[in-house]
């Protein structure tokens, strides 16, 4: 997954929340920013009627240009293009590949070859626009049974693949392809989400994300679903409504108690190591360097996301 030139996969920022915005409604970007979303996905595919796609492409290209000028602050801007089955996607990539673009969301991926082709096309667009190689991340959406089965091959197909995960919304492409019966508890899709996450981790895809929760007013159900995904190991979720963003951000952020415990654990083990002891009893558990590495990672990620003065930042420094 590593790249000898251009942007390294490990440098991609963690994203807790990625909020979909229709490509015909770019004026909603202000609301997306106010919601606290880490990223927006401007949608040129399913959210845009066929006759409006050319106009939406121009609007989205202008929004990407505004992102280059920092009009949306720290919000990362992604664009979901149309499937590769049409040359329309080539025109879209050429229109939006510019410095303000963080990534391309590629729908209906069926195989690693789809990713390979998208990677080549993006490479040409980056060169044409004078961008560094692999600057634009690629987020393949696994919306076919074959794509889900071959998730590890998809993840390995290009260095720019990032944020790969399984989306299991009710009634959509994935449910139709797999045939599961969606439930709010996620029982029919739990194994699928877990396996795709493992495939992504095996290929060192940075920061896997999942989704979607489509019940706009059911924030309790959203929280439970987000907690389940966090427990599996996902680092964020895609969202369809601004009201979902605060819940998602909270679930995928370490709380003060977790950060305090990580800092105490690091300090305890480091003190023991200074006296030649490798494993110690810490608050009723045996811990060693493996647990310290995980705690440091949590602290470092929080410090990057919230700034060097955030709680526990000093304990999360490099060792």
C-alpha atoms as a PDB file:
ATOM      1  CA  UNK A   1       0.000   0.000   0.000  1.00  0.00           C
ATOM      2  CA  UNK A   2       2.921   2.357   0.429  1.00  0.00           C
ATOM      3  CA  UNK A   3       3.949   4.715  -2.344  1.00  0.00           C
ATOM      4  CA  UNK A   4       7.547   5.558  -3.201  1.00  0.00           C
ATOM      5  CA  UNK A   5       6.518   9.005  -4.429  1.00  0.00           C
ATOM      6  CA  UNK A   6       3.713  11.394  -3.659  1.00  0.00           C
ATOM      7  CA  UNK A   7       1.456  11.367  -0.621  1.00  0.00           C
ATOM      8  CA  UNK A   8       1.979   8.471   1.798  1.00  0.00           C
ATOM      9  CA  UNK A   9      -1.159   6.568   2.930  1.00  0.00           C
ATOM     10  CA  UNK A  10      -0.222   7.057   6.589  1.00  0.00           C
ATOM     11  CA  UNK A  11      -0.444  10.839   6.172  1.00  0.00           C
ATOM     12  CA  UNK A  12      -4.181  10.791   5.456  1.00  0.00           C
ATOM     13  CA  UNK A  13      -6.062  12.415   8.342  1.00  0.00           C
ATOM     14  CA  UNK A  14      -8.468  10.422  10.462  1.00  0.00           C
ATOM     15  CA  UNK A  15     -12.084  11.353   9.683  1.00  0.00           C
ATOM     16  CA  UNK A  16     -14.804  10.689  12.220  1.00  0.00           C
ATOM     17  CA  UNK A  17     -17.696  11.997  10.124  1.00  0.00           C
ATOM     18  CA  UNK A  18     -18.170  12.339   6.353  1.00  0.00           C
ATOM     19  CA  UNK A  19     -21.424  14.110   5.501  1.00  0.00           C
ATOM     20  CA  UNK A  20     -23.100  13.643   2.109  1.00  0.00           C
ATOM     21  CA  UNK A  21     -24.244  16.847   0.367  1.00  0.00           C
ATOM     22  CA  UNK A  22     -26.089  16.737  -3.001  1.00  0.00           C
ATOM     23  CA  UNK A  23     -24.050  18.224  -5.839  1.00  0.00           C
ATOM     24  CA  UNK A  24     -27.011  20.431  -6.676  1.00  0.00           C
ATOM     25  CA  UNK A  25     -27.080  21.878  -3.151  1.00  0.00           C
ATOM     26  CA  UNK A  26     -23.547  23.177  -2.632  1.00  0.00           C
ATOM     27  CA  UNK A  27     -25.033  26.093  -0.678  1.00  0.00           C
ATOM     28  CA  UNK A  28     -25.585  23.550   2.104  1.00  0.00           C
ATOM     29  CA  UNK A  29     -21.828  23.410   2.676  1.00  0.00           C
ATOM     30  CA  UNK A  30     -22.196  26.152   5.268  1.00  0.00           C
ATOM     31  CA  UNK A  31     -24.552  23.944   7.287  1.00  0.00           C
ATOM     32  CA  UNK A  32     -22.151  21.027   6.885  1.00  0.00           C
ATOM     33  CA  UNK A  33     -19.349  23.153   8.327  1.00  0.00           C
ATOM     34  CA  UNK A  34     -21.553  24.290  11.212  1.00  0.00           C
ATOM     35  CA  UNK A  35     -22.460  20.674  11.988  1.00  0.00           C
ATOM     36  CA  UNK A  36     -18.834  19.934  12.847  1.00  0.00           C
ATOM     37  CA  UNK A  37     -18.315  17.362  10.085  1.00  0.00           C
ATOM     38  CA  UNK A  38     -14.702  16.412   9.494  1.00  0.00           C
ATOM     39  CA  UNK A  39     -15.444  15.994   5.776  1.00  0.00           C
ATOM     40  CA  UNK A  40     -18.188  16.496   3.217  1.00  0.00           C
ATOM     41  CA  UNK A  41     -18.940  14.296   0.222  1.00  0.00           C
ATOM     42  CA  UNK A  42     -20.400  16.326  -2.626  1.00  0.00           C
ATOM     43  CA  UNK A  43     -22.531  13.824  -4.502  1.00  0.00           C
ATOM     44  CA  UNK A  44     -22.644  13.774  -8.301  1.00  0.00           C
ATOM     45  CA  UNK A  45     -24.166  10.288  -8.469  1.00  0.00           C
ATOM     46  CA  UNK A  46     -27.450   9.120  -6.920  1.00  0.00           C
ATOM     47  CA  UNK A  47     -28.413  12.477  -5.370  1.00  0.00           C
ATOM     48  CA  UNK A  48     -28.408  14.262  -8.737  1.00  0.00           C
ATOM     49  CA  UNK A  49     -31.080  13.719 -11.435  1.00  0.00           C
ATOM     50  CA  UNK A  50     -29.599  12.785 -14.806  1.00  0.00           C
ATOM     51  CA  UNK A  51     -30.542  16.024 -16.542  1.00  0.00           C
ATOM     52  CA  UNK A  52     -28.958  18.107 -13.784  1.00  0.00           C
ATOM     53  CA  UNK A  53     -25.591  16.326 -13.720  1.00  0.00           C
ATOM     54  CA  UNK A  54     -23.722  18.736 -16.069  1.00  0.00           C
ATOM     55  CA  UNK A  55     -24.849  21.737 -14.025  1.00  0.00           C
ATOM     56  CA  UNK A  56     -24.020  19.982 -10.753  1.00  0.00           C
ATOM     57  CA  UNK A  57     -20.521  19.200 -12.031  1.00  0.00           C
ATOM     58  CA  UNK A  58     -19.853  22.903 -12.521  1.00  0.00           C
ATOM     59  CA  UNK A  59     -21.194  23.750  -9.079  1.00  0.00           C
ATOM     60  CA  UNK A  60     -19.088  21.080  -7.430  1.00  0.00           C
ATOM     61  CA  UNK A  61     -15.958  22.195  -9.293  1.00  0.00           C
ATOM     62  CA  UNK A  62     -16.533  25.724  -8.020  1.00  0.00           C
ATOM     63  CA  UNK A  63     -16.994  24.411  -4.475  1.00  0.00           C
ATOM     64  CA  UNK A  64     -13.670  22.552  -4.702  1.00  0.00           C
ATOM     65  CA  UNK A  65     -12.044  25.814  -5.825  1.00  0.00           C
ATOM     66  CA  UNK A  66     -13.540  27.531  -2.771  1.00  0.00           C
ATOM     67  CA  UNK A  67     -12.131  24.764  -0.571  1.00  0.00           C
ATOM     68  CA  UNK A  68      -8.693  25.550  -1.999  1.00  0.00           C
ATOM     69  CA  UNK A  69      -9.224  29.119  -0.771  1.00  0.00           C
ATOM     70  CA  UNK A  70     -10.080  27.736   2.708  1.00  0.00           C
ATOM     71  CA  UNK A  71     -13.726  28.792   2.450  1.00  0.00           C
ATOM     72  CA  UNK A  72     -14.834  25.804   4.550  1.00  0.00           C
ATOM     73  CA  UNK A  73     -12.119  25.871   7.174  1.00  0.00           C
ATOM     74  CA  UNK A  74     -10.725  22.499   8.151  1.00  0.00           C
ATOM     75  CA  UNK A  75     -13.556  20.521   6.497  1.00  0.00           C
ATOM     76  CA  UNK A  76     -12.110  18.077   3.946  1.00  0.00           C
ATOM     77  CA  UNK A  77     -13.928  18.035   0.597  1.00  0.00           C
ATOM     78  CA  UNK A  78     -14.602  14.758  -1.210  1.00  0.00           C
ATOM     79  CA  UNK A  79     -16.686  14.170  -4.338  1.00  0.00           C
ATOM     80  CA  UNK A  80     -18.682  11.065  -5.201  1.00  0.00           C
ATOM     81  CA  UNK A  81     -18.413  10.712  -8.959  1.00  0.00           C
ATOM     82  CA  UNK A  82     -20.502   8.548 -11.271  1.00  0.00           C
ATOM     83  CA  UNK A  83     -19.617   4.896 -11.944  1.00  0.00           C
ATOM     84  CA  UNK A  84     -16.759   4.000 -14.270  1.00  0.00           C
ATOM     85  CA  UNK A  85     -19.145   2.432 -16.758  1.00  0.00           C
ATOM     86  CA  UNK A  86     -19.554   5.863 -18.377  1.00  0.00           C
ATOM     87  CA  UNK A  87     -16.916   8.249 -19.748  1.00  0.00           C
ATOM     88  CA  UNK A  88     -18.828  10.918 -17.873  1.00  0.00           C
ATOM     89  CA  UNK A  89     -16.589  10.174 -14.905  1.00  0.00           C
ATOM     90  CA  UNK A  90     -13.512  11.271 -16.882  1.00  0.00           C
ATOM     91  CA  UNK A  91     -15.025  14.698 -17.435  1.00  0.00           C
ATOM     92  CA  UNK A  92     -15.921  14.887 -13.749  1.00  0.00           C
ATOM     93  CA  UNK A  93     -12.404  14.019 -12.628  1.00  0.00           C
ATOM     94  CA  UNK A  94     -10.840  16.609 -14.920  1.00  0.00           C
ATOM     95  CA  UNK A  95     -13.244  19.263 -13.657  1.00  0.00           C
ATOM     96  CA  UNK A  96     -12.673  18.663  -9.932  1.00  0.00           C
ATOM     97  CA  UNK A  97      -9.032  17.518  -9.654  1.00  0.00           C
ATOM     98  CA  UNK A  98      -7.499  20.609  -8.085  1.00  0.00           C
ATOM     99  CA  UNK A  99      -5.759  21.498  -4.817  1.00  0.00           C
ATOM    100  CA  UNK A 100      -8.966  21.838  -2.757  1.00  0.00           C
ATOM    101  CA  UNK A 101      -9.984  18.219  -3.389  1.00  0.00           C
ATOM    102  CA  UNK A 102      -9.219  15.731  -0.615  1.00  0.00           C
ATOM    103  CA  UNK A 103     -10.623  12.618  -2.246  1.00  0.00           C
ATOM    104  CA  UNK A 104     -12.833  10.842  -4.748  1.00  0.00           C
ATOM    105  CA  UNK A 105     -15.590   8.487  -3.619  1.00  0.00           C
ATOM    106  CA  UNK A 106     -15.965   5.819  -6.305  1.00  0.00           C
ATOM    107  CA  UNK A 107     -19.377   4.081  -6.398  1.00  0.00           C
ATOM    108  CA  UNK A 108     -20.322   0.515  -7.330  1.00  0.00           C
ATOM    109  CA  UNK A 109     -16.818  -0.922  -7.239  1.00  0.00           C
ATOM    110  CA  UNK A 110     -16.855  -4.564  -8.344  1.00  0.00           C
ATOM    111  CA  UNK A 111     -13.171  -5.440  -8.551  1.00  0.00           C
ATOM    112  CA  UNK A 112      -9.604  -4.320  -8.051  1.00  0.00           C
ATOM    113  CA  UNK A 113      -9.514  -3.436 -11.753  1.00  0.00           C
ATOM    114  CA  UNK A 114     -12.081  -0.688 -11.143  1.00  0.00           C
ATOM    115  CA  UNK A 115      -9.743   0.829  -8.579  1.00  0.00           C
ATOM    116  CA  UNK A 116      -6.726   0.414 -10.860  1.00  0.00           C
ATOM    117  CA  UNK A 117      -8.527   2.281 -13.661  1.00  0.00           C
ATOM    118  CA  UNK A 118      -9.699   5.059 -11.343  1.00  0.00           C
ATOM    119  CA  UNK A 119      -6.171   5.367  -9.951  1.00  0.00           C
ATOM    120  CA  UNK A 120      -4.709   5.778 -13.444  1.00  0.00           C
ATOM    121  CA  UNK A 121      -7.320   8.350 -14.410  1.00  0.00           C
ATOM    122  CA  UNK A 122      -6.710  10.303 -11.222  1.00  0.00           C
ATOM    123  CA  UNK A 123      -2.970  10.169 -11.847  1.00  0.00           C
ATOM    124  CA  UNK A 124      -3.430  11.755 -15.273  1.00  0.00           C
ATOM    125  CA  UNK A 125      -5.683  14.430 -13.811  1.00  0.00           C
ATOM    126  CA  UNK A 126      -3.182  15.190 -11.052  1.00  0.00           C
ATOM    127  CA  UNK A 127      -0.393  15.651 -13.573  1.00  0.00           C
ATOM    128  CA  UNK A 128      -2.611  17.844 -15.750  1.00  0.00           C
ATOM    129  CA  UNK A 129      -3.512  20.008 -12.734  1.00  0.00           C
ATOM    130  CA  UNK A 130       0.035  20.159 -11.404  1.00  0.00           C
ATOM    131  CA  UNK A 131      -0.804  18.228  -8.218  1.00  0.00           C
ATOM    132  CA  UNK A 132       1.553  15.878  -6.352  1.00  0.00           C
ATOM    133  CA  UNK A 133       1.160  12.202  -7.173  1.00  0.00           C
ATOM    134  CA  UNK A 134      -1.451  10.401  -5.047  1.00  0.00           C
ATOM    135  CA  UNK A 135      -2.592  13.642  -3.395  1.00  0.00           C
ATOM    136  CA  UNK A 136      -6.244  12.806  -4.037  1.00  0.00           C
ATOM    137  CA  UNK A 137      -7.440   9.917  -1.884  1.00  0.00           C
ATOM    138  CA  UNK A 138      -9.667   7.233  -3.397  1.00  0.00           C
ATOM    139  CA  UNK A 139     -12.578   5.809  -1.402  1.00  0.00           C
ATOM    140  CA  UNK A 140     -14.056   2.750  -3.156  1.00  0.00           C
ATOM    141  CA  UNK A 141     -17.665   1.992  -2.249  1.00  0.00           C
ATOM    142  CA  UNK A 142     -18.196  -1.781  -2.083  1.00  0.00           C
ATOM    143  CA  UNK A 143     -21.773  -1.956  -3.357  1.00  0.00           C
ATOM    144  CA  UNK A 144     -21.708  -5.301  -5.158  1.00  0.00           C
ATOM    145  CA  UNK A 145     -21.365  -8.821  -3.795  1.00  0.00           C
ATOM    146  CA  UNK A 146     -18.171  -9.334  -5.780  1.00  0.00           C
ATOM    147  CA  UNK A 147     -16.696  -6.073  -4.541  1.00  0.00           C
ATOM    148  CA  UNK A 148     -17.418  -7.021  -0.943  1.00  0.00           C
ATOM    149  CA  UNK A 149     -15.980 -10.499  -1.422  1.00  0.00           C
ATOM    150  CA  UNK A 150     -12.787  -9.036  -2.928  1.00  0.00           C
ATOM    151  CA  UNK A 151     -12.404  -6.191  -0.437  1.00  0.00           C
ATOM    152  CA  UNK A 152      -8.786  -7.042   0.345  1.00  0.00           C
ATOM    153  CA  UNK A 153      -7.829  -7.011  -3.354  1.00  0.00           C
ATOM    154  CA  UNK A 154      -9.663  -3.699  -3.764  1.00  0.00           C
ATOM    155  CA  UNK A 155      -7.750  -2.274  -0.809  1.00  0.00           C
ATOM    156  CA  UNK A 156      -4.426  -3.375  -2.290  1.00  0.00           C
ATOM    157  CA  UNK A 157      -5.129  -2.090  -5.807  1.00  0.00           C
ATOM    158  CA  UNK A 158      -3.715   1.439  -5.334  1.00  0.00           C
ATOM    159  CA  UNK A 159      -1.686   3.356  -2.769  1.00  0.00           C
ATOM    160  CA  UNK A 160      -4.260   6.139  -2.710  1.00  0.00           C
ATOM    161  CA  UNK A 161      -7.073   3.888  -1.385  1.00  0.00           C
ATOM    162  CA  UNK A 162      -8.234   5.285   1.966  1.00  0.00           C
ATOM    163  CA  UNK A 163     -11.183   5.134   4.360  1.00  0.00           C
ATOM    164  CA  UNK A 164     -12.358   1.818   2.846  1.00  0.00           C
ATOM    165  CA  UNK A 165     -15.156   0.048   4.720  1.00  0.00           C
ATOM    166  CA  UNK A 166     -18.528  -1.635   4.364  1.00  0.00           C
ATOM    167  CA  UNK A 167     -21.662   0.512   3.976  1.00  0.00           C
ATOM    168  CA  UNK A 168     -24.803  -1.382   4.954  1.00  0.00           C
ATOM    169  CA  UNK A 169     -27.732   1.022   4.689  1.00  0.00           C
ATOM    170  CA  UNK A 170     -31.252  -0.411   4.444  1.00  0.00           C
ATOM    171  CA  UNK A 171     -32.824  -0.827   1.032  1.00  0.00           C
ATOM    172  CA  UNK A 172     -29.849   0.288  -1.026  1.00  0.00           C
ATOM    173  CA  UNK A 173     -27.415  -1.277  -3.474  1.00  0.00           C
ATOM    174  CA  UNK A 174     -25.665  -3.436  -0.884  1.00  0.00           C
ATOM    175  CA  UNK A 175     -28.839  -4.912   0.596  1.00  0.00           C
ATOM    176  CA  UNK A 176     -30.074  -5.712  -2.900  1.00  0.00           C
ATOM    177  CA  UNK A 177     -26.744  -7.302  -3.857  1.00  0.00           C
ATOM    178  CA  UNK A 178     -26.278  -9.400  -0.723  1.00  0.00           C
ATOM    179  CA  UNK A 179     -29.882 -10.059   0.262  1.00  0.00           C
ATOM    180  CA  UNK A 180     -29.533  -9.465   3.990  1.00  0.00           C
ATOM    181  CA  UNK A 181     -32.490  -8.335   6.085  1.00  0.00           C
ATOM    182  CA  UNK A 182     -31.557  -4.989   7.633  1.00  0.00           C
ATOM    183  CA  UNK A 183     -32.316  -4.428  11.303  1.00  0.00           C
ATOM    184  CA  UNK A 184     -31.525  -1.420  13.516  1.00  0.00           C
ATOM    185  CA  UNK A 185     -29.424  -3.706  15.699  1.00  0.00           C
ATOM    186  CA  UNK A 186     -27.187  -4.541  12.722  1.00  0.00           C
ATOM    187  CA  UNK A 187     -27.329  -8.298  13.283  1.00  0.00           C
ATOM    188  CA  UNK A 188     -27.671  -9.097   9.577  1.00  0.00           C
ATOM    189  CA  UNK A 189     -24.655  -7.012   8.593  1.00  0.00           C
ATOM    190  CA  UNK A 190     -22.324  -7.324  11.580  1.00  0.00           C
ATOM    191  CA  UNK A 191     -20.220 -10.131  10.114  1.00  0.00           C
ATOM    192  CA  UNK A 192     -19.978  -8.334   6.774  1.00  0.00           C
ATOM    193  CA  UNK A 193     -18.791  -5.087   8.338  1.00  0.00           C
ATOM    194  CA  UNK A 194     -16.293  -6.966  10.494  1.00  0.00           C
ATOM    195  CA  UNK A 195     -14.802  -8.932   7.597  1.00  0.00           C
ATOM    196  CA  UNK A 196     -14.398  -5.889   5.351  1.00  0.00           C
ATOM    197  CA  UNK A 197     -12.736  -4.024   8.211  1.00  0.00           C
ATOM    198  CA  UNK A 198     -10.239  -6.863   8.639  1.00  0.00           C
ATOM    199  CA  UNK A 199      -9.525  -6.848   4.888  1.00  0.00           C
ATOM    200  CA  UNK A 200      -8.882  -3.104   5.011  1.00  0.00           C
ATOM    201  CA  UNK A 201      -6.608  -3.392   8.039  1.00  0.00           C
ATOM    202  CA  UNK A 202      -4.696  -6.259   6.433  1.00  0.00           C
ATOM    203  CA  UNK A 203      -3.752  -3.901   3.588  1.00  0.00           C
ATOM    204  CA  UNK A 204      -3.009  -0.997   5.942  1.00  0.00           C
ATOM    205  CA  UNK A 205      -5.830   1.170   4.660  1.00  0.00           C
ATOM    206  CA  UNK A 206      -5.716   4.269   6.868  1.00  0.00           C
ATOM    207  CA  UNK A 207      -8.779   5.062   8.970  1.00  0.00           C
ATOM    208  CA  UNK A 208     -11.596   2.746   7.728  1.00  0.00           C
ATOM    209  CA  UNK A 209     -15.097   4.229   7.849  1.00  0.00           C
ATOM    210  CA  UNK A 210     -18.548   2.697   7.537  1.00  0.00           C
ATOM    211  CA  UNK A 211     -22.249   3.686   7.507  1.00  0.00           C
ATOM    212  CA  UNK A 212     -25.010   4.518   6.789  1.00  0.00           C
ATOM    213  CA  UNK A 213     -27.785   5.353   9.255  1.00  0.00           C
ATOM    214  CA  UNK A 214     -30.790   6.625   7.293  1.00  0.00           C
ATOM    215  CA  UNK A 215     -33.360   7.214  10.068  1.00  0.00           C
ATOM    216  CA  UNK A 216     -33.015  10.975  10.419  1.00  0.00           C
ATOM    217  CA  UNK A 217     -34.794  11.441  13.750  1.00  0.00           C
ATOM    218  CA  UNK A 218     -33.614   8.252  15.472  1.00  0.00           C
ATOM    219  CA  UNK A 219     -30.459   9.564  17.139  1.00  0.00           C
ATOM    220  CA  UNK A 220     -30.569   6.823  19.773  1.00  0.00           C
ATOM    221  CA  UNK A 221     -30.450   4.160  17.093  1.00  0.00           C
ATOM    222  CA  UNK A 222     -27.654   6.050  15.338  1.00  0.00           C
ATOM    223  CA  UNK A 223     -25.624   6.147  18.539  1.00  0.00           C
ATOM    224  CA  UNK A 224     -26.033   2.411  19.123  1.00  0.00           C
ATOM    225  CA  UNK A 225     -25.036   1.652  15.506  1.00  0.00           C
ATOM    226  CA  UNK A 226     -22.042   3.994  15.718  1.00  0.00           C
ATOM    227  CA  UNK A 227     -20.947   2.419  19.008  1.00  0.00           C
ATOM    228  CA  UNK A 228     -21.136  -1.023  17.419  1.00  0.00           C
ATOM    229  CA  UNK A 229     -18.964   0.129  14.528  1.00  0.00           C
ATOM    230  CA  UNK A 230     -16.475   1.738  16.901  1.00  0.00           C
ATOM    231  CA  UNK A 231     -16.317  -1.501  18.888  1.00  0.00           C
ATOM    232  CA  UNK A 232     -15.506  -3.379  15.668  1.00  0.00           C
ATOM    233  CA  UNK A 233     -12.561  -1.060  14.988  1.00  0.00           C
ATOM    234  CA  UNK A 234     -13.917   1.499  12.508  1.00  0.00           C
ATOM    235  CA  UNK A 235     -12.686   5.055  12.966  1.00  0.00           C
ATOM    236  CA  UNK A 236     -15.614   6.979  11.482  1.00  0.00           C
ATOM    237  CA  UNK A 237     -18.919   6.890   9.628  1.00  0.00           C
ATOM    238  CA  UNK A 238     -20.549   8.455   6.614  1.00  0.00           C
ATOM    239  CA  UNK A 239     -23.694  10.456   7.351  1.00  0.00           C
ATOM    240  CA  UNK A 240     -26.697  11.730   5.415  1.00  0.00           C
ATOM    241  CA  UNK A 241     -27.920  14.507   7.718  1.00  0.00           C
ATOM    242  CA  UNK A 242     -26.164  17.288   9.670  1.00  0.00           C
ATOM    243  CA  UNK A 243     -27.980  16.314  12.880  1.00  0.00           C
ATOM    244  CA  UNK A 244     -26.131  12.982  12.835  1.00  0.00           C
ATOM    245  CA  UNK A 245     -22.674  14.535  12.846  1.00  0.00           C
ATOM    246  CA  UNK A 246     -22.388  15.502  16.548  1.00  0.00           C
ATOM    247  CA  UNK A 247     -23.405  11.999  17.638  1.00  0.00           C
ATOM    248  CA  UNK A 248     -20.927  10.367  15.275  1.00  0.00           C
ATOM    249  CA  UNK A 249     -18.110  12.707  16.284  1.00  0.00           C
ATOM    250  CA  UNK A 250     -18.727  11.997  19.963  1.00  0.00           C
ATOM    251  CA  UNK A 251     -18.751   8.233  19.508  1.00  0.00           C
ATOM    252  CA  UNK A 252     -15.551   8.197  17.457  1.00  0.00           C
ATOM    253  CA  UNK A 253     -13.650  10.546  19.770  1.00  0.00           C
ATOM    254  CA  UNK A 254     -11.973   9.323  22.958  1.00  0.00           C
ATOM    255  CA  UNK A 255     -13.661  10.763  26.025  1.00  0.00           C
ATOM    256  CA  UNK A 256     -11.839  12.523  28.885  1.00  0.00           C
ATOM    257  CA  UNK A 257     -11.904   9.398  31.049  1.00  0.00           C
ATOM    258  CA  UNK A 258     -10.357   7.265  28.277  1.00  0.00           C
ATOM    259  CA  UNK A 259      -7.656   9.867  27.629  1.00  0.00           C
ATOM    260  CA  UNK A 260      -6.868  10.197  31.329  1.00  0.00           C
ATOM    261  CA  UNK A 261      -6.584   6.441  31.676  1.00  0.00           C
ATOM    262  CA  UNK A 262      -4.266   6.234  28.644  1.00  0.00           C
ATOM    263  CA  UNK A 263      -2.020   8.919  30.111  1.00  0.00           C
ATOM    264  CA  UNK A 264      -1.914   7.169  33.508  1.00  0.00           C
ATOM    265  CA  UNK A 265      -1.165   3.822  31.881  1.00  0.00           C
ATOM    266  CA  UNK A 266       1.732   5.261  29.867  1.00  0.00           C
ATOM    267  CA  UNK A 267       3.179   6.960  32.940  1.00  0.00           C
ATOM    268  CA  UNK A 268       2.843   3.821  35.072  1.00  0.00           C
ATOM    269  CA  UNK A 269       4.563   1.501  32.613  1.00  0.00           C
ATOM    270  CA  UNK A 270       7.308   4.018  31.793  1.00  0.00           C
ATOM    271  CA  UNK A 271       8.068   4.378  35.490  1.00  0.00           C
ATOM    272  CA  UNK A 272       8.276   0.598  35.834  1.00  0.00           C
ATOM    273  CA  UNK A 273      10.485   0.308  32.758  1.00  0.00           C
ATOM    274  CA  UNK A 274      12.857   2.873  34.239  1.00  0.00           C
ATOM    275  CA  UNK A 275      13.375   0.417  37.092  1.00  0.00           C
ATOM    276  CA  UNK A 276      13.885  -2.550  34.792  1.00  0.00           C
ATOM    277  CA  UNK A 277      10.336  -3.952  35.012  1.00  0.00           C
ATOM    278  CA  UNK A 278       8.470  -4.718  31.780  1.00  0.00           C
ATOM    279  CA  UNK A 279       4.973  -5.715  32.929  1.00  0.00           C
ATOM    280  CA  UNK A 280       3.113  -4.161  35.839  1.00  0.00           C
ATOM    281  CA  UNK A 281      -0.250  -4.279  37.544  1.00  0.00           C
ATOM    282  CA  UNK A 282      -2.244  -1.200  36.563  1.00  0.00           C
ATOM    283  CA  UNK A 283      -5.679  -0.553  38.057  1.00  0.00           C
ATOM    284  CA  UNK A 284      -6.378  -4.260  38.399  1.00  0.00           C
ATOM    285  CA  UNK A 285      -4.949  -5.345  35.018  1.00  0.00           C
ATOM    286  CA  UNK A 286      -1.562  -6.629  33.877  1.00  0.00           C
ATOM    287  CA  UNK A 287      -0.158  -4.258  31.240  1.00  0.00           C
ATOM    288  CA  UNK A 288       3.055  -4.060  29.251  1.00  0.00           C
ATOM    289  CA  UNK A 289       4.579  -2.287  26.246  1.00  0.00           C
ATOM    290  CA  UNK A 290       1.891  -3.582  23.858  1.00  0.00           C
ATOM    291  CA  UNK A 291      -0.819  -1.813  25.867  1.00  0.00           C
ATOM    292  CA  UNK A 292       1.371   1.296  26.120  1.00  0.00           C
ATOM    293  CA  UNK A 293       1.719   1.417  22.321  1.00  0.00           C
ATOM    294  CA  UNK A 294      -2.076   1.374  21.941  1.00  0.00           C
ATOM    295  CA  UNK A 295      -2.505   4.076  24.598  1.00  0.00           C
ATOM    296  CA  UNK A 296       0.131   6.279  22.963  1.00  0.00           C
ATOM    297  CA  UNK A 297      -1.586   5.906  19.601  1.00  0.00           C
ATOM    298  CA  UNK A 298      -4.905   7.057  21.085  1.00  0.00           C
ATOM    299  CA  UNK A 299      -3.225  10.072  22.683  1.00  0.00           C
ATOM    300  CA  UNK A 300      -1.286  11.004  19.542  1.00  0.00           C
ATOM    301  CA  UNK A 301      -4.387  10.856  17.352  1.00  0.00           C
ATOM    302  CA  UNK A 302      -6.349  12.978  19.795  1.00  0.00           C
ATOM    303  CA  UNK A 303      -3.515  15.522  19.965  1.00  0.00           C
ATOM    304  CA  UNK A 304      -3.396  15.780  16.160  1.00  0.00           C
ATOM    305  CA  UNK A 305      -7.152  16.248  15.924  1.00  0.00           C
ATOM    306  CA  UNK A 306      -7.563  18.630  18.879  1.00  0.00           C
ATOM    307  CA  UNK A 307      -4.177  20.350  19.122  1.00  0.00           C
ATOM    308  CA  UNK A 308      -1.048  19.923  21.253  1.00  0.00           C
ATOM    309  CA  UNK A 309      -2.690  21.440  24.355  1.00  0.00           C
ATOM    310  CA  UNK A 310      -5.412  18.775  24.539  1.00  0.00           C
ATOM    311  CA  UNK A 311      -5.588  16.478  27.612  1.00  0.00           C
ATOM    312  CA  UNK A 312      -2.930  13.777  27.631  1.00  0.00           C
ATOM    313  CA  UNK A 313      -1.052  15.206  24.613  1.00  0.00           C
ATOM    314  CA  UNK A 314       2.293  15.244  26.381  1.00  0.00           C
ATOM    315  CA  UNK A 315       2.005  11.571  27.322  1.00  0.00           C
ATOM    316  CA  UNK A 316       1.253  10.726  23.721  1.00  0.00           C
ATOM    317  CA  UNK A 317       4.498  12.047  22.311  1.00  0.00           C
ATOM    318  CA  UNK A 318       6.864   9.903  20.285  1.00  0.00           C
ATOM    319  CA  UNK A 319       9.093   7.518  22.271  1.00  0.00           C
END
